[in-house]
């Protein structure tokens, strides 16, 4: 019984370690006002703090206290033969960890 509990606790701690390894940017200060548009069309992200992140997203708190969610997936809109937009999206892609880290480093002014 004790051995079984130990295994459960060990695996839970291991899973938590894996999750927190992906959140190494928490607490970093953003110095770029636009962040490549991943948070929309705002230009007031200077001095925002990263408060959470995942493989496909990042969450920041702006200086005024507003929390913003940035989706780091990229996609293309489906288009008709004449180039007009049609229903749905295609080519949904998740950004690699390396590319995500490069972006965050550039936003925080570290190259």
N, C-alpha and C. Protein backbone atom coordinates (compact mmCIF):
# COMPACT_ATOMS: atom_id res chain seq x y z
N UNK A 1 0.81 -1.19 0.00
CA UNK A 1 0.00 0.00 0.00
C UNK A 1 0.86 1.27 0.00
N UNK A 2 1.90 1.28 0.85
CA UNK A 2 2.78 2.45 0.91
C UNK A 2 3.53 2.62 -0.39
N UNK A 3 4.02 1.54 -0.98
CA UNK A 3 4.73 1.60 -2.25
C UNK A 3 3.84 2.18 -3.34
N UNK A 4 2.57 1.80 -3.37
CA UNK A 4 1.63 2.30 -4.36
C UNK A 4 1.43 3.81 -4.19
N UNK A 5 1.29 4.28 -2.95
CA UNK A 5 1.13 5.71 -2.70
C UNK A 5 2.38 6.48 -3.13
N UNK A 6 3.54 5.90 -2.85
CA UNK A 6 4.79 6.53 -3.26
C UNK A 6 4.82 6.71 -4.77
N UNK A 7 4.44 5.68 -5.51
CA UNK A 7 4.44 5.75 -6.98
C UNK A 7 3.48 6.83 -7.47
N UNK A 8 2.31 6.93 -6.87
CA UNK A 8 1.34 7.95 -7.28
C UNK A 8 1.91 9.34 -7.03
N UNK A 9 2.45 9.57 -5.84
CA UNK A 9 3.02 10.88 -5.51
C UNK A 9 4.19 11.20 -6.44
N UNK A 10 5.06 10.23 -6.68
CA UNK A 10 6.20 10.43 -7.57
C UNK A 10 5.74 10.88 -8.96
N UNK A 11 4.75 10.20 -9.52
CA UNK A 11 4.28 10.54 -10.87
C UNK A 11 3.60 11.89 -10.90
N UNK A 12 2.87 12.26 -9.86
CA UNK A 12 2.25 13.59 -9.80
C UNK A 12 3.31 14.68 -9.75
N UNK A 13 4.34 14.48 -8.93
CA UNK A 13 5.42 15.46 -8.86
C UNK A 13 6.16 15.57 -10.18
N UNK A 14 6.38 14.45 -10.85
CA UNK A 14 7.05 14.46 -12.14
C UNK A 14 6.22 15.24 -13.17
N UNK A 15 4.91 15.03 -13.20
CA UNK A 15 4.04 15.75 -14.13
C UNK A 15 4.06 17.24 -13.84
N UNK A 16 4.04 17.62 -12.57
CA UNK A 16 4.10 19.04 -12.21
C UNK A 16 5.43 19.65 -12.66
N UNK A 17 6.52 18.92 -12.48
CA UNK A 17 7.83 19.40 -12.92
C UNK A 17 7.82 19.67 -14.42
N UNK A 18 7.24 18.77 -15.20
CA UNK A 18 7.19 18.96 -16.64
C UNK A 18 6.37 20.19 -17.00
N UNK A 19 5.26 20.42 -16.32
CA UNK A 19 4.43 21.57 -16.62
C UNK A 19 5.16 22.87 -16.29
N UNK A 20 5.86 22.93 -15.14
CA UNK A 20 6.52 24.15 -14.75
C UNK A 20 7.78 24.42 -15.56
N UNK A 21 8.40 23.40 -16.13
CA UNK A 21 9.54 23.63 -17.01
C UNK A 21 9.13 24.46 -18.21
N UNK A 22 7.89 24.30 -18.65
CA UNK A 22 7.39 25.05 -19.81
C UNK A 22 6.97 26.47 -19.43
N UNK A 23 7.02 26.83 -18.14
CA UNK A 23 6.58 28.14 -17.70
C UNK A 23 7.77 28.96 -17.18
N UNK A 24 8.88 28.89 -17.88
CA UNK A 24 10.10 29.54 -17.42
C UNK A 24 10.10 31.05 -17.63
N UNK A 25 9.13 31.58 -18.34
CA UNK A 25 9.10 33.02 -18.63
C UNK A 25 8.22 33.81 -17.67
N UNK A 26 7.60 33.16 -16.72
CA UNK A 26 6.73 33.86 -15.78
C UNK A 26 7.54 34.87 -14.98
N UNK A 27 6.98 36.08 -14.88
CA UNK A 27 7.64 37.15 -14.15
C UNK A 27 8.49 38.06 -15.01
N UNK A 28 8.73 37.68 -16.25
CA UNK A 28 9.53 38.53 -17.13
C UNK A 28 8.73 39.75 -17.56
N UNK A 29 9.43 40.86 -17.76
CA UNK A 29 8.81 42.14 -18.13
C UNK A 29 8.94 42.34 -19.63
N UNK A 30 7.84 42.65 -20.27
CA UNK A 30 7.83 42.90 -21.72
C UNK A 30 8.19 44.35 -21.98
N UNK A 31 9.14 44.58 -22.89
CA UNK A 31 9.58 45.92 -23.23
C UNK A 31 9.14 46.33 -24.62
N UNK A 32 8.53 45.41 -25.36
CA UNK A 32 8.05 45.66 -26.72
C UNK A 32 6.58 46.04 -26.62
N UNK A 33 6.18 47.14 -27.21
CA UNK A 33 4.81 47.61 -27.08
C UNK A 33 3.79 46.85 -27.90
N UNK A 34 4.20 46.07 -28.89
CA UNK A 34 3.26 45.44 -29.82
C UNK A 34 3.25 43.92 -29.75
N UNK A 35 4.35 43.29 -29.43
CA UNK A 35 4.46 41.82 -29.32
C UNK A 35 4.04 41.09 -30.59
N UNK A 36 4.47 41.59 -31.72
CA UNK A 36 4.21 40.98 -33.02
C UNK A 36 2.73 40.75 -33.30
N UNK A 37 1.85 41.44 -32.62
CA UNK A 37 0.42 41.32 -32.87
C UNK A 37 -0.26 40.11 -32.26
N UNK A 38 0.45 39.33 -31.46
CA UNK A 38 -0.15 38.13 -30.88
C UNK A 38 -1.22 38.44 -29.84
N UNK A 39 -1.27 39.69 -29.36
CA UNK A 39 -2.30 40.07 -28.39
C UNK A 39 -3.32 41.02 -29.00
N UNK A 40 -3.38 41.08 -30.30
CA UNK A 40 -4.33 41.97 -30.96
C UNK A 40 -3.63 43.21 -31.49
N UNK A 41 -4.41 44.25 -31.73
CA UNK A 41 -3.88 45.45 -32.37
C UNK A 41 -3.44 46.51 -31.39
N UNK A 42 -3.40 46.20 -30.10
CA UNK A 42 -2.95 47.17 -29.11
C UNK A 42 -1.44 47.39 -29.22
N UNK A 43 -1.01 48.57 -28.81
CA UNK A 43 0.41 48.91 -28.81
C UNK A 43 0.90 49.30 -27.42
N UNK A 44 0.16 48.93 -26.39
CA UNK A 44 0.48 49.38 -25.04
C UNK A 44 0.88 48.23 -24.11
N UNK A 45 1.72 47.33 -24.59
CA UNK A 45 2.14 46.18 -23.78
C UNK A 45 3.48 46.41 -23.09
N UNK A 46 4.06 47.60 -23.26
CA UNK A 46 5.32 47.92 -22.61
C UNK A 46 5.14 47.82 -21.09
N UNK A 47 6.08 47.17 -20.41
CA UNK A 47 6.06 46.94 -18.96
C UNK A 47 4.99 45.96 -18.50
N UNK A 48 4.43 45.18 -19.40
CA UNK A 48 3.51 44.11 -19.00
C UNK A 48 4.32 42.96 -18.42
N UNK A 49 3.70 42.18 -17.54
CA UNK A 49 4.36 41.06 -16.88
C UNK A 49 3.75 39.76 -17.36
N UNK A 50 4.58 38.79 -17.70
CA UNK A 50 4.10 37.47 -18.09
C UNK A 50 3.65 36.74 -16.83
N UNK A 51 2.37 36.32 -16.80
CA UNK A 51 1.85 35.67 -15.60
C UNK A 51 1.55 34.19 -15.81
N UNK A 52 1.48 33.72 -17.05
CA UNK A 52 1.26 32.29 -17.33
C UNK A 52 1.66 32.02 -18.77
N UNK A 53 1.99 30.76 -19.03
CA UNK A 53 2.29 30.37 -20.40
C UNK A 53 2.10 28.87 -20.56
N UNK A 54 1.86 28.50 -21.79
CA UNK A 54 1.75 27.10 -22.15
C UNK A 54 2.42 26.90 -23.49
N UNK A 55 2.27 25.73 -24.06
CA UNK A 55 2.90 25.47 -25.35
C UNK A 55 2.33 26.35 -26.46
N UNK A 56 1.05 26.72 -26.34
CA UNK A 56 0.39 27.43 -27.43
C UNK A 56 -0.19 28.78 -27.01
N UNK A 57 0.14 29.25 -25.82
CA UNK A 57 -0.42 30.52 -25.36
C UNK A 57 0.52 31.20 -24.38
N UNK A 58 0.25 32.47 -24.15
CA UNK A 58 0.94 33.25 -23.13
C UNK A 58 -0.09 34.23 -22.55
N UNK A 59 -0.01 34.48 -21.26
CA UNK A 59 -0.93 35.39 -20.58
C UNK A 59 -0.08 36.47 -19.91
N UNK A 60 -0.48 37.73 -20.10
CA UNK A 60 0.25 38.85 -19.51
C UNK A 60 -0.71 39.74 -18.74
N UNK A 61 -0.15 40.48 -17.78
CA UNK A 61 -0.90 41.51 -17.07
C UNK A 61 -0.28 42.85 -17.44
N UNK A 62 -1.11 43.71 -18.04
CA UNK A 62 -0.64 45.02 -18.45
C UNK A 62 -0.46 45.93 -17.24
N UNK A 63 0.21 47.05 -17.43
CA UNK A 63 0.46 47.99 -16.33
C UNK A 63 -0.83 48.47 -15.68
N UNK A 64 -1.90 48.59 -16.46
CA UNK A 64 -3.18 49.05 -15.92
C UNK A 64 -3.98 47.93 -15.24
N UNK A 65 -3.40 46.71 -15.17
CA UNK A 65 -4.04 45.60 -14.47
C UNK A 65 -4.85 44.67 -15.36
N UNK A 66 -5.07 45.04 -16.60
CA UNK A 66 -5.84 44.21 -17.52
C UNK A 66 -5.02 42.99 -17.92
N UNK A 67 -5.66 41.83 -17.91
CA UNK A 67 -5.01 40.58 -18.30
C UNK A 67 -5.34 40.29 -19.75
N UNK A 68 -4.31 39.98 -20.53
CA UNK A 68 -4.47 39.68 -21.95
C UNK A 68 -3.96 38.28 -22.25
N UNK A 69 -4.64 37.59 -23.16
CA UNK A 69 -4.31 36.23 -23.58
C UNK A 69 -3.79 36.28 -25.00
N UNK A 70 -2.63 35.70 -25.24
CA UNK A 70 -2.07 35.64 -26.58
C UNK A 70 -2.00 34.21 -27.08
N UNK A 71 -2.63 33.96 -28.21
CA UNK A 71 -2.64 32.64 -28.83
C UNK A 71 -1.46 32.56 -29.79
N UNK A 72 -0.56 31.61 -29.58
CA UNK A 72 0.65 31.51 -30.40
C UNK A 72 0.52 30.51 -31.54
N UNK A 73 -0.70 30.17 -31.90
CA UNK A 73 -0.91 29.33 -33.07
C UNK A 73 -1.00 30.23 -34.30
N UNK A 74 -0.66 29.70 -35.45
CA UNK A 74 -0.80 30.45 -36.68
C UNK A 74 -1.71 29.66 -37.64
N UNK A 75 -2.40 30.39 -38.49
CA UNK A 75 -3.28 29.74 -39.44
C UNK A 75 -3.51 30.65 -40.64
N UNK A 76 -4.08 30.09 -41.65
CA UNK A 76 -4.48 30.84 -42.84
C UNK A 76 -5.99 30.71 -42.97
N UNK A 77 -6.62 31.79 -43.40
CA UNK A 77 -8.05 31.72 -43.69
C UNK A 77 -8.24 30.99 -45.02
N UNK A 78 -9.27 30.16 -45.08
CA UNK A 78 -9.62 29.52 -46.36
C UNK A 78 -10.09 30.60 -47.33
N UNK A 79 -9.69 30.47 -48.56
CA UNK A 79 -10.08 31.47 -49.56
C UNK A 79 -10.71 30.79 -50.77
N UNK A 80 -11.60 31.52 -51.41
CA UNK A 80 -12.21 31.07 -52.66
C UNK A 80 -11.21 31.25 -53.79
N UNK A 81 -11.54 30.73 -54.98
CA UNK A 81 -10.65 30.85 -56.13
C UNK A 81 -10.34 32.30 -56.48
N UNK A 82 -11.29 33.22 -56.21
CA UNK A 82 -11.07 34.62 -56.54
C UNK A 82 -10.33 35.39 -55.42
N UNK A 83 -9.94 34.67 -54.35
CA UNK A 83 -9.18 35.29 -53.28
C UNK A 83 -9.99 35.81 -52.11
N UNK A 84 -11.31 35.80 -52.25
CA UNK A 84 -12.15 36.26 -51.14
C UNK A 84 -12.17 35.22 -50.03
N UNK A 85 -12.40 35.68 -48.83
CA UNK A 85 -12.43 34.78 -47.68
C UNK A 85 -13.65 33.87 -47.72
N UNK A 86 -13.44 32.62 -47.37
CA UNK A 86 -14.54 31.67 -47.25
C UNK A 86 -14.60 31.20 -45.81
N UNK A 87 -15.44 30.26 -45.53
CA UNK A 87 -15.66 29.78 -44.17
C UNK A 87 -14.48 28.95 -43.68
N UNK A 88 -14.03 29.17 -42.45
CA UNK A 88 -13.07 28.28 -41.81
C UNK A 88 -11.63 28.68 -41.97
N UNK A 89 -10.78 27.91 -41.33
CA UNK A 89 -9.35 28.15 -41.39
C UNK A 89 -8.64 26.89 -41.85
N UNK A 90 -7.42 27.06 -42.31
CA UNK A 90 -6.62 25.92 -42.74
C UNK A 90 -5.18 26.13 -42.28
N UNK A 91 -4.40 25.11 -42.41
CA UNK A 91 -2.98 25.17 -42.08
C UNK A 91 -2.73 25.59 -40.64
N UNK A 92 -3.56 25.09 -39.72
CA UNK A 92 -3.36 25.40 -38.31
C UNK A 92 -2.03 24.80 -37.86
N UNK A 93 -1.17 25.65 -37.30
CA UNK A 93 0.16 25.21 -36.88
C UNK A 93 0.46 25.74 -35.49
N UNK A 94 1.10 24.92 -34.71
CA UNK A 94 1.57 25.35 -33.41
C UNK A 94 3.03 25.77 -33.54
N UNK A 95 3.39 26.81 -32.84
CA UNK A 95 4.75 27.33 -32.88
C UNK A 95 5.68 26.40 -32.10
N UNK A 96 6.88 26.23 -32.57
CA UNK A 96 7.85 25.41 -31.85
C UNK A 96 8.26 26.12 -30.56
N UNK A 97 8.73 25.36 -29.59
CA UNK A 97 9.19 25.96 -28.33
C UNK A 97 10.34 26.93 -28.57
N UNK A 98 11.22 26.57 -29.49
CA UNK A 98 12.37 27.43 -29.78
C UNK A 98 11.93 28.78 -30.36
N UNK A 99 10.99 28.74 -31.31
CA UNK A 99 10.49 29.97 -31.91
C UNK A 99 9.74 30.81 -30.88
N UNK A 100 8.93 30.15 -30.04
CA UNK A 100 8.21 30.86 -28.99
C UNK A 100 9.19 31.57 -28.06
N UNK A 101 10.26 30.87 -27.67
CA UNK A 101 11.24 31.46 -26.77
C UNK A 101 11.96 32.62 -27.43
N UNK A 102 12.28 32.50 -28.72
CA UNK A 102 12.91 33.61 -29.45
C UNK A 102 12.02 34.84 -29.44
N UNK A 103 10.71 34.64 -29.68
CA UNK A 103 9.78 35.76 -29.67
C UNK A 103 9.72 36.42 -28.30
N UNK A 104 9.57 35.63 -27.25
CA UNK A 104 9.48 36.18 -25.90
C UNK A 104 10.77 36.91 -25.53
N UNK A 105 11.91 36.34 -25.89
CA UNK A 105 13.19 37.01 -25.62
C UNK A 105 13.25 38.36 -26.33
N UNK A 106 12.76 38.42 -27.56
CA UNK A 106 12.79 39.69 -28.30
C UNK A 106 11.82 40.70 -27.67
N UNK A 107 10.67 40.24 -27.17
CA UNK A 107 9.72 41.14 -26.53
C UNK A 107 10.28 41.69 -25.22
N UNK A 108 11.08 40.89 -24.53
CA UNK A 108 11.63 41.31 -23.24
C UNK A 108 12.98 42.01 -23.40
N UNK A 109 13.42 42.20 -24.62
CA UNK A 109 14.63 42.94 -24.89
C UNK A 109 15.91 42.17 -24.69
N UNK A 110 15.82 40.85 -24.69
CA UNK A 110 17.01 40.03 -24.50
C UNK A 110 17.26 39.24 -25.79
N UNK A 111 18.40 39.44 -26.37
CA UNK A 111 18.70 38.80 -27.66
C UNK A 111 19.81 37.81 -27.52
